Protein backbone atom coordinates (compact mmCIF):
# COMPACT_ATOMS: atom_id res chain seq x y z
CA MET A 1 82.45 51.86 115.16
CA ALA A 2 85.53 53.13 113.34
CA GLN A 3 87.62 50.62 111.42
CA PHE A 4 91.40 50.77 111.82
CA ILE A 5 93.92 49.12 109.51
CA GLN A 6 97.64 48.99 110.23
CA SER A 7 99.52 48.81 106.96
CA ILE A 8 103.08 49.87 107.71
CA ASN A 9 105.14 49.47 104.55
CA GLU A 10 108.50 48.89 106.19
CA GLY A 11 109.64 46.25 108.66
CA GLU A 12 112.09 46.83 111.50
CA GLN A 13 115.08 45.76 109.42
CA GLU A 14 114.22 48.16 106.60
CA ILE A 15 113.74 51.04 109.05
CA SER A 16 117.03 50.29 110.78
CA ALA A 17 118.83 50.09 107.45
CA GLU A 18 117.36 53.42 106.30
CA LEU A 19 118.28 55.20 109.52
CA SER A 20 121.75 53.69 109.68
CA ALA A 21 122.48 54.75 106.10
CA GLY A 22 121.34 58.31 106.82
CA LEU A 23 123.38 58.65 109.99
CA SER A 24 126.45 57.21 108.23
CA ALA A 25 126.23 59.53 105.22
CA GLN A 26 128.86 62.19 104.66
CA THR A 27 126.35 64.73 105.97
CA ALA A 28 124.18 62.86 108.47
CA PHE A 29 120.43 63.05 107.91
CA THR A 30 117.13 61.41 108.78
CA SER A 31 113.73 61.52 107.12
CA ALA A 32 111.30 64.03 108.64
CA LYS A 33 108.78 61.22 109.14
CA TYR A 34 110.78 60.04 112.16
CA LEU A 35 109.95 63.26 113.99
CA TYR A 36 106.42 61.93 114.45
CA ASP A 37 106.36 59.29 117.14
CA ALA A 38 103.58 59.61 119.74
CA LEU A 39 105.36 62.36 121.69
CA GLY A 40 106.54 64.08 118.53
CA SER A 41 102.97 64.24 117.26
CA LYS A 42 101.83 65.86 120.51
CA LEU A 43 104.69 68.34 120.42
CA PHE A 44 103.74 69.28 116.88
CA GLU A 45 100.21 69.94 118.12
CA ALA A 46 101.73 72.39 120.61
CA ILE A 47 103.81 74.03 117.87
CA CYS A 48 100.62 74.72 115.94
CA GLU A 49 99.38 76.84 118.87
CA LEU A 50 102.48 79.06 119.04
CA PRO A 51 102.17 82.73 118.02
CA GLU A 52 105.23 82.43 115.77
CA TYR A 53 103.85 79.45 113.88
CA TYR A 54 101.59 81.21 111.38
CA PRO A 55 100.87 78.27 108.97
CA THR A 56 98.16 76.58 111.07
CA ARG A 57 96.09 79.66 111.84
CA THR A 58 96.56 81.12 108.35
CA GLU A 59 95.42 77.89 106.73
CA ALA A 60 92.47 77.71 109.15
CA GLU A 61 91.50 81.26 108.16
CA ILE A 62 91.46 80.28 104.49
CA PHE A 63 89.28 77.23 105.20
CA GLN A 64 86.91 79.29 107.35
CA ILE A 65 86.47 82.11 104.85
CA HIS A 66 86.38 79.99 101.69
CA GLY A 67 84.93 76.73 103.08
CA PRO A 68 81.63 76.87 101.18
CA GLU A 69 83.40 77.72 97.92
CA ILE A 70 85.93 74.93 98.49
CA ALA A 71 83.08 72.48 99.08
CA LYS A 72 81.29 73.63 95.94
CA THR A 73 84.48 73.16 93.93
CA ALA A 74 85.50 69.82 95.45
CA GLY A 75 81.99 68.36 95.69
CA LEU A 76 80.05 66.76 98.53
CA GLY A 77 79.99 63.16 99.65
CA ALA A 78 83.59 62.36 98.80
CA THR A 79 85.89 59.68 100.14
CA LEU A 80 88.10 62.08 102.11
CA ILE A 81 91.62 60.62 102.38
CA ASP A 82 93.55 62.65 104.94
CA LEU A 83 97.31 62.20 104.46
CA GLY A 84 99.33 62.81 107.62
CA ALA A 85 96.11 63.22 109.57
CA GLY A 86 97.66 63.66 113.01
CA ASN A 87 94.82 64.52 115.41
CA CYS A 88 92.37 64.77 112.46
CA ALA A 89 91.34 68.28 113.52
CA LYS A 90 91.90 69.97 110.16
CA ALA A 91 89.74 67.51 108.24
CA ALA A 92 87.09 67.53 110.97
CA SER A 93 86.78 71.31 110.66
CA LEU A 94 85.62 70.75 107.05
CA PHE A 95 83.13 67.94 107.74
CA SER A 96 80.19 70.35 107.95
CA VAL A 97 80.84 71.75 104.46
CA LEU A 98 82.33 68.72 102.66
CA GLU A 99 79.94 66.13 104.15
CA PRO A 100 82.24 63.19 103.33
CA ALA A 101 80.69 59.75 102.83
CA GLN A 102 83.86 58.13 104.15
CA TYR A 103 86.75 59.61 106.10
CA VAL A 104 90.13 57.87 105.74
CA PRO A 105 92.83 59.37 107.98
CA VAL A 106 96.34 58.09 107.25
CA ASP A 107 99.34 58.58 109.53
CA ILE A 108 102.63 56.92 110.42
CA SER A 109 102.06 57.48 114.16
CA VAL A 110 99.76 54.48 114.63
CA ASP A 111 98.76 54.73 118.30
CA PHE A 112 98.25 58.50 118.12
CA LEU A 113 96.00 58.12 115.07
CA ARG A 114 94.03 55.25 116.57
CA ASP A 115 93.11 57.38 119.60
CA ALA A 116 92.23 60.37 117.44
CA VAL A 117 89.93 58.35 115.17
CA ALA A 118 88.16 56.76 118.15
CA ARG A 119 87.39 60.19 119.60
CA LEU A 120 86.30 61.59 116.25
CA GLN A 121 83.94 58.71 115.50
CA GLN A 122 82.07 59.48 118.73
CA GLN A 123 81.58 63.06 117.55
CA TYR A 124 80.51 62.07 114.01
CA PRO A 125 78.86 58.64 114.26
CA LYS A 126 77.16 58.97 110.86
CA ILE A 127 80.43 59.28 108.90
CA GLU A 128 82.09 56.00 107.96
CA MET A 129 85.68 56.13 109.22
CA THR A 130 88.59 53.90 108.22
CA GLY A 131 91.87 54.82 109.88
CA ILE A 132 95.09 53.57 108.27
CA GLY A 133 98.43 53.39 110.08
CA MET A 134 100.82 53.67 107.15
CA ASP A 135 103.93 55.43 105.90
CA PHE A 136 102.29 56.88 102.79
CA SER A 137 105.55 58.48 101.66
CA ALA A 138 106.71 54.97 100.72
CA GLY A 139 103.60 54.17 98.67
CA LEU A 140 99.89 54.87 98.26
CA SER A 141 98.47 51.37 97.96
CA LEU A 142 95.19 51.70 99.85
CA PRO A 143 93.22 48.71 101.20
CA ASP A 144 89.93 47.58 99.69
CA ALA A 145 88.06 49.14 102.61
CA VAL A 146 88.71 52.56 101.04
CA ARG A 147 86.06 53.43 98.48
CA GLY A 148 87.35 53.86 94.96
CA SER A 149 84.92 56.50 93.77
CA GLN A 150 85.11 60.26 94.28
CA ARG A 151 88.37 60.15 96.20
CA LEU A 152 89.50 63.52 97.54
CA PHE A 153 93.07 63.43 98.81
CA PHE A 154 93.52 66.01 101.57
CA TYR A 155 97.11 67.06 102.24
CA PRO A 156 97.09 70.17 104.44
CA GLY A 157 99.70 71.94 106.55
CA SER A 158 102.13 72.47 103.67
CA SER A 159 103.44 68.97 104.37
CA ILE A 160 104.28 68.67 100.67
CA GLY A 161 107.13 71.04 101.53
CA ASN A 162 108.95 68.21 103.32
CA PHE A 163 109.69 66.81 99.86
CA SER A 164 112.13 68.43 97.47
CA PRO A 165 110.33 69.83 94.40
CA GLN A 166 111.45 66.78 92.40
CA GLN A 167 110.24 64.39 95.12
CA ALA A 168 107.02 66.38 95.44
CA LEU A 169 106.33 65.93 91.73
CA VAL A 170 106.80 62.16 92.03
CA PHE A 171 104.50 62.04 95.07
CA LEU A 172 101.82 64.16 93.41
CA LYS A 173 101.89 61.80 90.43
CA LYS A 174 101.22 58.90 92.85
CA ILE A 175 98.22 60.77 94.25
CA TYR A 176 97.01 61.47 90.73
CA ALA A 177 97.18 57.74 89.91
CA ALA A 178 95.28 56.85 93.08
CA CYS A 179 92.44 59.31 92.35
CA ASP A 180 90.85 57.14 89.66
CA GLN A 181 88.75 59.01 87.09
CA ASP A 182 86.56 61.18 89.31
CA GLY A 183 88.93 62.16 92.12
CA GLY A 184 90.97 65.18 93.07
CA ILE A 185 93.28 66.76 95.59
CA LEU A 186 92.85 69.49 98.20
CA ILE A 187 96.33 70.58 99.19
CA SER A 188 97.99 73.53 100.88
CA VAL A 189 101.46 75.01 100.57
CA ASP A 190 103.44 77.68 102.38
CA LEU A 191 104.49 80.64 100.24
CA VAL A 192 107.82 82.47 100.18
CA LYS A 193 107.93 85.44 102.57
CA GLU A 194 110.33 87.44 104.74
CA LYS A 195 113.19 85.40 106.24
CA SER A 196 112.56 86.80 109.75
CA THR A 197 108.98 85.48 109.73
CA LEU A 198 110.08 82.07 108.49
CA ASP A 199 112.98 81.78 110.94
CA ALA A 200 110.77 82.60 113.93
CA ALA A 201 108.18 80.02 112.91
CA TYR A 202 110.75 77.22 113.10
CA ASP A 203 112.76 78.41 116.11
CA ASP A 204 110.23 79.73 118.61
CA MET A 205 111.07 81.57 121.81
CA LEU A 206 109.57 78.91 124.11
CA GLY A 207 111.68 76.18 122.57
CA VAL A 208 108.79 73.90 121.64
CA THR A 209 110.19 73.35 118.15
CA ALA A 210 113.55 72.57 119.73
CA SER A 211 111.92 69.91 121.92
CA PHE A 212 110.13 68.51 118.86
CA ASN A 213 113.39 68.22 116.97
CA LEU A 214 115.39 66.84 119.91
CA ASN A 215 112.73 64.21 120.55
CA LEU A 216 113.87 62.65 117.27
CA LEU A 217 116.97 61.42 119.10
CA CYS A 218 114.80 59.69 121.71
CA HIS A 219 112.89 58.06 118.87
CA LEU A 220 116.15 56.91 117.26
CA ASN A 221 117.33 55.47 120.56
CA ARG A 222 114.20 53.32 120.67
CA VAL A 223 113.81 52.19 117.07
CA LEU A 224 117.52 51.94 116.25
CA ASP A 225 118.74 50.97 119.74
CA ALA A 226 121.15 53.91 119.58
CA ASP A 227 122.72 55.76 122.51
CA PHE A 228 122.28 59.44 121.68
CA ASP A 229 122.64 61.73 124.71
CA VAL A 230 119.95 64.33 124.00
CA ARG A 231 121.58 66.76 126.43
CA GLN A 232 124.58 67.03 124.09
CA TRP A 233 122.59 68.34 121.13
CA ARG A 234 120.82 71.57 120.19
CA HIS A 235 118.17 72.59 117.68
CA ARG A 236 118.88 74.69 114.61
CA GLY A 237 116.09 75.97 112.36
CA PHE A 238 116.49 78.62 109.64
CA PHE A 239 115.45 79.67 106.13
CA ASN A 240 117.89 78.84 103.34
CA ALA A 241 116.96 81.44 100.73
CA ALA A 242 119.13 79.92 98.01
CA GLU A 243 117.18 76.63 98.24
CA SER A 244 113.86 78.30 99.14
CA ARG A 245 113.45 76.03 102.14
CA ILE A 246 113.45 75.95 105.91
CA GLU A 247 116.09 73.58 107.22
CA MET A 248 116.04 71.90 110.61
CA HIS A 249 119.19 70.37 112.04
CA LEU A 250 120.42 68.90 115.31
CA GLU A 251 123.89 70.18 116.19
CA ALA A 252 126.37 68.39 118.45
CA GLU A 253 127.46 70.59 121.34
CA SER A 254 130.45 68.37 122.11
CA GLU A 255 132.60 65.79 120.40
CA GLN A 256 130.94 62.40 120.93
CA THR A 257 130.55 58.89 119.61
CA VAL A 258 127.09 57.39 119.00
CA HIS A 259 126.60 53.64 118.67
CA TRP A 260 123.83 51.47 117.27
CA PRO A 261 123.76 47.79 116.25
CA ASN A 262 126.14 47.30 113.31
CA GLY A 263 127.05 50.97 113.25
CA MET A 264 128.61 53.96 114.97
CA ARG A 265 129.63 57.54 114.21
CA ARG A 266 131.99 60.04 115.78
CA PHE A 267 130.42 63.49 115.72
CA LYS A 268 132.62 66.55 116.01
CA ARG A 269 131.44 69.54 118.00
CA GLY A 270 129.24 71.63 115.68
CA GLU A 271 128.54 68.74 113.32
CA ARG A 272 124.87 68.44 112.34
CA ILE A 273 122.18 65.91 111.55
CA HIS A 274 119.79 67.28 108.90
CA THR A 275 116.31 66.34 110.14
CA GLU A 276 113.80 68.23 107.99
CA ASN A 277 113.30 70.49 105.00
CA SER A 278 110.22 72.61 104.40
CA TYR A 279 110.22 74.06 100.89
CA LYS A 280 108.41 77.33 100.24
CA TYR A 281 106.80 78.04 96.86
CA THR A 282 105.48 80.91 94.81
CA ARG A 283 101.80 80.68 93.91
CA GLN A 284 102.45 80.09 90.21
CA GLY A 285 105.33 77.73 90.92
CA PHE A 286 103.16 75.38 92.93
CA MET A 287 100.26 75.48 90.49
CA ASP A 288 102.72 74.58 87.73
CA LEU A 289 103.86 71.60 89.82
CA LEU A 290 100.26 70.34 90.06
CA THR A 291 99.91 70.68 86.30
CA GLN A 292 103.13 68.75 85.71
CA ALA A 293 101.73 65.95 87.92
CA GLY A 294 98.74 65.67 85.56
CA PHE A 295 96.11 67.61 87.50
CA SER A 296 93.85 70.16 85.82
CA GLY A 297 91.03 72.54 86.72
CA ILE A 298 93.11 74.11 89.49
CA THR A 299 91.35 76.52 91.83
CA ALA A 300 93.39 78.42 94.44
CA TRP A 301 92.57 80.37 97.59
CA THR A 302 94.89 82.45 99.75
CA ASP A 303 94.86 84.73 102.78
CA PRO A 304 94.92 88.55 102.58
CA GLN A 305 98.69 88.64 103.18
CA GLU A 306 99.27 85.90 100.59
CA TRP A 307 101.34 83.89 103.05
CA PHE A 308 99.66 80.56 102.39
CA LEU A 309 97.90 78.81 99.50
CA VAL A 310 95.15 76.18 99.33
CA CYS A 311 94.55 74.48 95.98
CA HIS A 312 91.96 72.08 94.64
CA ALA A 313 92.70 70.21 91.42
CA ARG A 314 91.02 67.41 89.46
CA VAL A 315 92.27 64.43 87.51
CA MET A 316 90.01 65.18 84.52
């Protein structure tokens, strides 16, 4: 039977204060973590199946081709800590080669993760599983149920790109500190490529990414008790070459006023809410970032087109 621990770092008041401050800023913004309620998590699953969204299949190709080498480098029998686990599919695809002693999926979408872990435990009854509902971006204090030895932090999907490079360095240092003396990290990152390829990946023809982004407003209406009219907003997703990042925004299609308890904002037509960044790196640039965080012994794997990078690094 899988164990599940809910360890949300923030209470309702803290979440409301964070969201209210972002929406009231000179340029309105929200953290990308609020894209992932239960529906948002399912929509992201659908995005990963789109032909334009190359990261998922490219990363899967790297794991498939280099899986045995990755396992040899990372070691068997680890405590596999899956950050932003979602449906747990990426980690599960590596179970046969990594043979983890304990699997610890961590995600902010509590109900979605709970269901995913329950299904996975039925498939792999011999692997100890401890699911944690937690906003790990706010801290990496893991409960005692997580084994301390041979921790392997797994952070796939280029999710590190949601942080600015400075924020990413701070977060990687937190992972380094949580590894203890015999741990490591298995992490992937999206590499810089043609703008047309990047733009299409975050603004697909079917509009699934648009639905994913717009669902954020439904989430805000629930958690903030706001009154966004989703029909009055549109999705914008594009590559900002100067900042080396994809930006996602929600753009007001009409002048409107949005209210929430103890707050309100008048949005002009064309005004935007900045909802997500996804930074793209060069191979050497990201390896340098791992080194700055304290990691060593870095091994890297990429696809034939060099669109995506998977790295393993150790604390010692």
